[in-house]
Amino acid sequence: MKTMTQRMFNEVKEGMSRTVRSAAIKSGDIAMETCCSYLFHEPKIPMELLKASAEK
């Protein structure tokens, strides 16, 4: 049989692990969205610059 202190300590550990797990999931989702948005971003280049670099 567990004592009250052990049960309370186990509850605190479970609560902390739930909090850390949810924070890790949220930060992973944000990092993945940021990575994908930068990966598929195509900057707009003015045609004058493209023509100037092609002529050189």
PDB file of N, CA and C in Angstrom:
ATOM      1  N   MET A   1       0.831  -1.186   0.000  1.00  0.00           N
ATOM      2  CA  MET A   1       0.000   0.000   0.000  1.00  0.00           C
ATOM      3  C   MET A   1       0.881   1.257   0.000  1.00  0.00           C
ATOM      4  N   LYS A   2       0.514   2.196  -0.842  1.00  0.00           N
ATOM      5  CA  LYS A   2       1.306   3.416  -0.956  1.00  0.00           C
ATOM      6  C   LYS A   2       0.885   4.417   0.104  1.00  0.00           C
ATOM      7  N   THR A   3       1.855   5.166   0.545  1.00  0.00           N
ATOM      8  CA  THR A   3       1.548   6.215   1.510  1.00  0.00           C
ATOM      9  C   THR A   3       0.992   7.425   0.777  1.00  0.00           C
ATOM     10  N   MET A   4       0.454   8.336   1.539  1.00  0.00           N
ATOM     11  CA  MET A   4      -0.134   9.545   0.952  1.00  0.00           C
ATOM     12  C   MET A   4       0.924  10.368   0.238  1.00  0.00           C
ATOM     13  N   THR A   5       2.133  10.432   0.780  1.00  0.00           N
ATOM     14  CA  THR A   5       3.211  11.206   0.163  1.00  0.00           C
ATOM     15  C   THR A   5       3.593  10.613  -1.183  1.00  0.00           C
ATOM     16  N   GLN A   6       3.674   9.280  -1.258  1.00  0.00           N
ATOM     17  CA  GLN A   6       4.025   8.637  -2.520  1.00  0.00           C
ATOM     18  C   GLN A   6       2.946   8.864  -3.572  1.00  0.00           C
ATOM     19  N   ARG A   7       1.691   8.775  -3.180  1.00  0.00           N
ATOM     20  CA  ARG A   7       0.604   9.013  -4.134  1.00  0.00           C
ATOM     21  C   ARG A   7       0.618  10.446  -4.629  1.00  0.00           C
ATOM     22  N   MET A   8       0.836  11.387  -3.715  1.00  0.00           N
ATOM     23  CA  MET A   8       0.877  12.795  -4.105  1.00  0.00           C
ATOM     24  C   MET A   8       2.059  13.045  -5.045  1.00  0.00           C
ATOM     25  N   PHE A   9       3.213  12.454  -4.746  1.00  0.00           N
ATOM     26  CA  PHE A   9       4.388  12.607  -5.589  1.00  0.00           C
ATOM     27  C   PHE A   9       4.131  12.020  -6.982  1.00  0.00           C
ATOM     28  N   ASN A  10       3.468  10.864  -7.050  1.00  0.00           N
ATOM     29  CA  ASN A  10       3.147  10.251  -8.339  1.00  0.00           C
ATOM     30  C   ASN A  10       2.184  11.123  -9.142  1.00  0.00           C
ATOM     31  N   GLU A  11       1.226  11.741  -8.483  1.00  0.00           N
ATOM     32  CA  GLU A  11       0.290  12.629  -9.170  1.00  0.00           C
ATOM     33  C   GLU A  11       1.008  13.843  -9.735  1.00  0.00           C
ATOM     34  N   VAL A  12       1.953  14.376  -8.975  1.00  0.00           N
ATOM     35  CA  VAL A  12       2.722  15.534  -9.446  1.00  0.00           C
ATOM     36  C   VAL A  12       3.572  15.129 -10.647  1.00  0.00           C
ATOM     37  N   LYS A  13       4.201  13.964 -10.584  1.00  0.00           N
ATOM     38  CA  LYS A  13       5.014  13.487 -11.710  1.00  0.00           C
ATOM     39  C   LYS A  13       4.161  13.291 -12.955  1.00  0.00           C
ATOM     40  N   GLU A  14       2.986  12.716 -12.807  1.00  0.00           N
ATOM     41  CA  GLU A  14       2.103  12.510 -13.953  1.00  0.00           C
ATOM     42  C   GLU A  14       1.639  13.840 -14.535  1.00  0.00           C
ATOM     43  N   GLY A  15       1.325  14.794 -13.677  1.00  0.00           N
ATOM     44  CA  GLY A  15       0.911  16.116 -14.146  1.00  0.00           C
ATOM     45  C   GLY A  15       2.023  16.822 -14.900  1.00  0.00           C
ATOM     46  N   MET A  16       3.239  16.727 -14.375  1.00  0.00           N
ATOM     47  CA  MET A  16       4.382  17.350 -15.043  1.00  0.00           C
ATOM     48  C   MET A  16       4.647  16.684 -16.393  1.00  0.00           C
ATOM     49  N   SER A  17       4.538  15.360 -16.446  1.00  0.00           N
ATOM     50  CA  SER A  17       4.792  14.671 -17.712  1.00  0.00           C
ATOM     51  C   SER A  17       3.729  15.021 -18.742  1.00  0.00           C
ATOM     52  N   ARG A  18       2.482  15.181 -18.320  1.00  0.00           N
ATOM     53  CA  ARG A  18       1.428  15.600 -19.249  1.00  0.00           C
ATOM     54  C   ARG A  18       1.704  16.998 -19.788  1.00  0.00           C
ATOM     55  N   THR A  19       2.137  17.890 -18.909  1.00  0.00           N
ATOM     56  CA  THR A  19       2.428  19.264 -19.312  1.00  0.00           C
ATOM     57  C   THR A  19       3.592  19.322 -20.297  1.00  0.00           C
ATOM     58  N   VAL A  20       4.658  18.602 -19.987  1.00  0.00           N
ATOM     59  CA  VAL A  20       5.824  18.597 -20.868  1.00  0.00           C
ATOM     60  C   VAL A  20       5.474  17.963 -22.207  1.00  0.00           C
ATOM     61  N   ARG A  21       4.693  16.893 -22.183  1.00  0.00           N
ATOM     62  CA  ARG A  21       4.297  16.221 -23.423  1.00  0.00           C
ATOM     63  C   ARG A  21       3.476  17.149 -24.310  1.00  0.00           C
ATOM     64  N   SER A  22       2.509  17.851 -23.727  1.00  0.00           N
ATOM     65  CA  SER A  22       1.680  18.742 -24.543  1.00  0.00           C
ATOM     66  C   SER A  22       2.492  19.922 -25.070  1.00  0.00           C
ATOM     67  N   ALA A  23       3.429  20.429 -24.268  1.00  0.00           N
ATOM     68  CA  ALA A  23       4.276  21.525 -24.737  1.00  0.00           C
ATOM     69  C   ALA A  23       5.180  21.062 -25.878  1.00  0.00           C
ATOM     70  N   ALA A  24       5.690  19.843 -25.783  1.00  0.00           N
ATOM     71  CA  ALA A  24       6.548  19.314 -26.845  1.00  0.00           C
ATOM     72  C   ALA A  24       5.761  19.133 -28.136  1.00  0.00           C
ATOM     73  N   ILE A  25       4.536  18.664 -28.030  1.00  0.00           N
ATOM     74  CA  ILE A  25       3.706  18.475 -29.215  1.00  0.00           C
ATOM     75  C   ILE A  25       3.398  19.816 -29.867  1.00  0.00           C
ATOM     76  N   LYS A  26       3.039  20.814 -29.056  1.00  0.00           N
ATOM     77  CA  LYS A  26       2.726  22.130 -29.612  1.00  0.00           C
ATOM     78  C   LYS A  26       3.936  22.772 -30.262  1.00  0.00           C
ATOM     79  N   SER A  27       5.108  22.695 -29.607  1.00  0.00           N
ATOM     80  CA  SER A  27       6.299  23.313 -30.192  1.00  0.00           C
ATOM     81  C   SER A  27       6.734  22.570 -31.453  1.00  0.00           C
ATOM     82  N   GLY A  28       6.537  21.259 -31.501  1.00  0.00           N
ATOM     83  CA  GLY A  28       6.842  20.503 -32.707  1.00  0.00           C
ATOM     84  C   GLY A  28       5.940  20.889 -33.860  1.00  0.00           C
ATOM     85  N   ASP A  29       4.659  21.091 -33.567  1.00  0.00           N
ATOM     86  CA  ASP A  29       3.723  21.513 -34.613  1.00  0.00           C
ATOM     87  C   ASP A  29       4.092  22.884 -35.153  1.00  0.00           C
ATOM     88  N   ILE A  30       4.436  23.799 -34.269  1.00  0.00           N
ATOM     89  CA  ILE A  30       4.811  25.152 -34.698  1.00  0.00           C
ATOM     90  C   ILE A  30       6.086  25.107 -35.538  1.00  0.00           C
ATOM     91  N   ALA A  31       7.059  24.298 -35.109  1.00  0.00           N
ATOM     92  CA  ALA A  31       8.315  24.194 -35.860  1.00  0.00           C
ATOM     93  C   ALA A  31       8.071  23.593 -37.240  1.00  0.00           C
ATOM     94  N   MET A  32       7.201  22.604 -37.314  1.00  0.00           N
ATOM     95  CA  MET A  32       6.909  21.967 -38.606  1.00  0.00           C
ATOM     96  C   MET A  32       6.207  22.942 -39.544  1.00  0.00           C
ATOM     97  N   GLU A  33       5.256  23.725 -39.030  1.00  0.00           N
ATOM     98  CA  GLU A  33       4.567  24.711 -39.860  1.00  0.00           C
ATOM     99  C   GLU A  33       5.539  25.772 -40.358  1.00  0.00           C
ATOM    100  N   THR A  34       6.434  26.216 -39.486  1.00  0.00           N
ATOM    101  CA  THR A  34       7.408  27.241 -39.868  1.00  0.00           C
ATOM    102  C   THR A  34       8.343  26.703 -40.939  1.00  0.00           C
ATOM    103  N   CYS A  35       8.803  25.499 -40.748  1.00  0.00           N
ATOM    104  CA  CYS A  35       9.717  24.879 -41.715  1.00  0.00           C
ATOM    105  C   CYS A  35       9.042  24.730 -43.074  1.00  0.00           C
ATOM    106  N   CYS A  36       7.830  24.248 -43.075  1.00  0.00           N
ATOM    107  CA  CYS A  36       7.124  24.045 -44.344  1.00  0.00           C
ATOM    108  C   CYS A  36       6.808  25.372 -45.024  1.00  0.00           C
ATOM    109  N   SER A  37       6.490  26.387 -44.245  1.00  0.00           N
ATOM    110  CA  SER A  37       6.172  27.666 -44.869  1.00  0.00           C
ATOM    111  C   SER A  37       7.417  28.290 -45.497  1.00  0.00           C
ATOM    112  N   TYR A  38       8.591  28.116 -44.885  1.00  0.00           N
ATOM    113  CA  TYR A  38       9.819  28.634 -45.480  1.00  0.00           C
ATOM    114  C   TYR A  38      10.258  27.785 -46.667  1.00  0.00           C
ATOM    115  N   LEU A  39       9.963  26.501 -46.619  1.00  0.00           N
ATOM    116  CA  LEU A  39      10.385  25.602 -47.685  1.00  0.00           C
ATOM    117  C   LEU A  39       9.627  25.889 -48.973  1.00  0.00           C
ATOM    118  N   PHE A  40       8.350  26.191 -48.871  1.00  0.00           N
ATOM    119  CA  PHE A  40       7.530  26.401 -50.057  1.00  0.00           C
ATOM    120  C   PHE A  40       7.387  27.872 -50.439  1.00  0.00           C
ATOM    121  N   HIS A  41       8.132  28.744 -49.784  1.00  0.00           N
ATOM    122  CA  HIS A  41       8.061  30.170 -50.092  1.00  0.00           C
ATOM    123  C   HIS A  41       8.916  30.470 -51.316  1.00  0.00           C
ATOM    124  N   GLU A  42       8.316  31.084 -52.306  1.00  0.00           N
ATOM    125  CA  GLU A  42       9.047  31.490 -53.495  1.00  0.00           C
ATOM    126  C   GLU A  42       9.043  33.014 -53.559  1.00  0.00           C
ATOM    127  N   PRO A  43      10.197  33.638 -53.383  1.00  0.00           N
ATOM    128  CA  PRO A  43      10.229  35.101 -53.423  1.00  0.00           C
ATOM    129  C   PRO A  43       9.971  35.610 -54.836  1.00  0.00           C
ATOM    130  N   LYS A  44       9.368  36.760 -54.915  1.00  0.00           N
ATOM    131  CA  LYS A  44       9.099  37.372 -56.216  1.00  0.00           C
ATOM    132  C   LYS A  44      10.311  38.209 -56.620  1.00  0.00           C
ATOM    133  N   ILE A  45      10.841  37.909 -57.788  1.00  0.00           N
ATOM    134  CA  ILE A  45      12.014  38.615 -58.290  1.00  0.00           C
ATOM    135  C   ILE A  45      11.557  39.484 -59.459  1.00  0.00           C
ATOM    136  N   PRO A  46      11.900  40.762 -59.424  1.00  0.00           N
ATOM    137  CA  PRO A  46      11.505  41.641 -60.530  1.00  0.00           C
ATOM    138  C   PRO A  46      12.106  41.163 -61.854  1.00  0.00           C
ATOM    139  N   MET A  47      11.339  41.307 -62.915  1.00  0.00           N
ATOM    140  CA  MET A  47      11.774  40.858 -64.249  1.00  0.00           C
ATOM    141  C   MET A  47      13.026  41.602 -64.710  1.00  0.00           C
ATOM    142  N   GLU A  48      13.183  42.875 -64.306  1.00  0.00           N
ATOM    143  CA  GLU A  48      14.352  43.653 -64.709  1.00  0.00           C
ATOM    144  C   GLU A  48      15.635  43.009 -64.188  1.00  0.00           C
ATOM    145  N   LEU A  49      15.584  42.522 -62.961  1.00  0.00           N
ATOM    146  CA  LEU A  49      16.767  41.877 -62.400  1.00  0.00           C
ATOM    147  C   LEU A  49      17.068  40.564 -63.121  1.00  0.00           C
ATOM    148  N   LEU A  50      16.037  39.824 -63.462  1.00  0.00           N
ATOM    149  CA  LEU A  50      16.255  38.580 -64.196  1.00  0.00           C
ATOM    150  C   LEU A  50      16.851  38.834 -65.581  1.00  0.00           C
ATOM    151  N   LYS A  51      16.334  39.859 -66.259  1.00  0.00           N
ATOM    152  CA  LYS A  51      16.855  40.178 -67.589  1.00  0.00           C
ATOM    153  C   LYS A  51      18.277  40.695 -67.509  1.00  0.00           C
ATOM    154  N   ALA A  52      18.568  41.494 -66.486  1.00  0.00           N
ATOM    155  CA  ALA A  52      19.924  42.033 -66.322  1.00  0.00           C
ATOM    156  C   ALA A  52      20.928  40.917 -66.032  1.00  0.00           C
ATOM    157  N   SER A  53      20.530  39.946 -65.213  1.00  0.00           N
ATOM    158  CA  SER A  53      21.458  38.864 -64.897  1.00  0.00           C
ATOM    159  C   SER A  53      21.620  37.914 -66.096  1.00  0.00           C
ATOM    160  N   ALA A  54      20.606  37.795 -66.944  1.00  0.00           N
ATOM    161  CA  ALA A  54      20.701  36.949 -68.120  1.00  0.00           C
ATOM    162  C   ALA A  54      21.603  37.582 -69.177  1.00  0.00           C
ATOM    163  N   GLU A  55      21.643  38.911 -69.239  1.00  0.00           N
ATOM    164  CA  GLU A  55      22.461  39.595 -70.223  1.00  0.00           C
ATOM    165  C   GLU A  55      23.935  39.597 -69.864  1.00  0.00           C
ATOM    166  N   LYS A  56      24.260  39.411 -68.628  1.00  0.00           N
ATOM    167  CA  LYS A  56      25.664  39.451 -68.186  1.00  0.00           C
ATOM    168  C   LYS A  56      26.375  38.217 -68.524  1.00  0.00           C
TER     169      LYS A  56
END
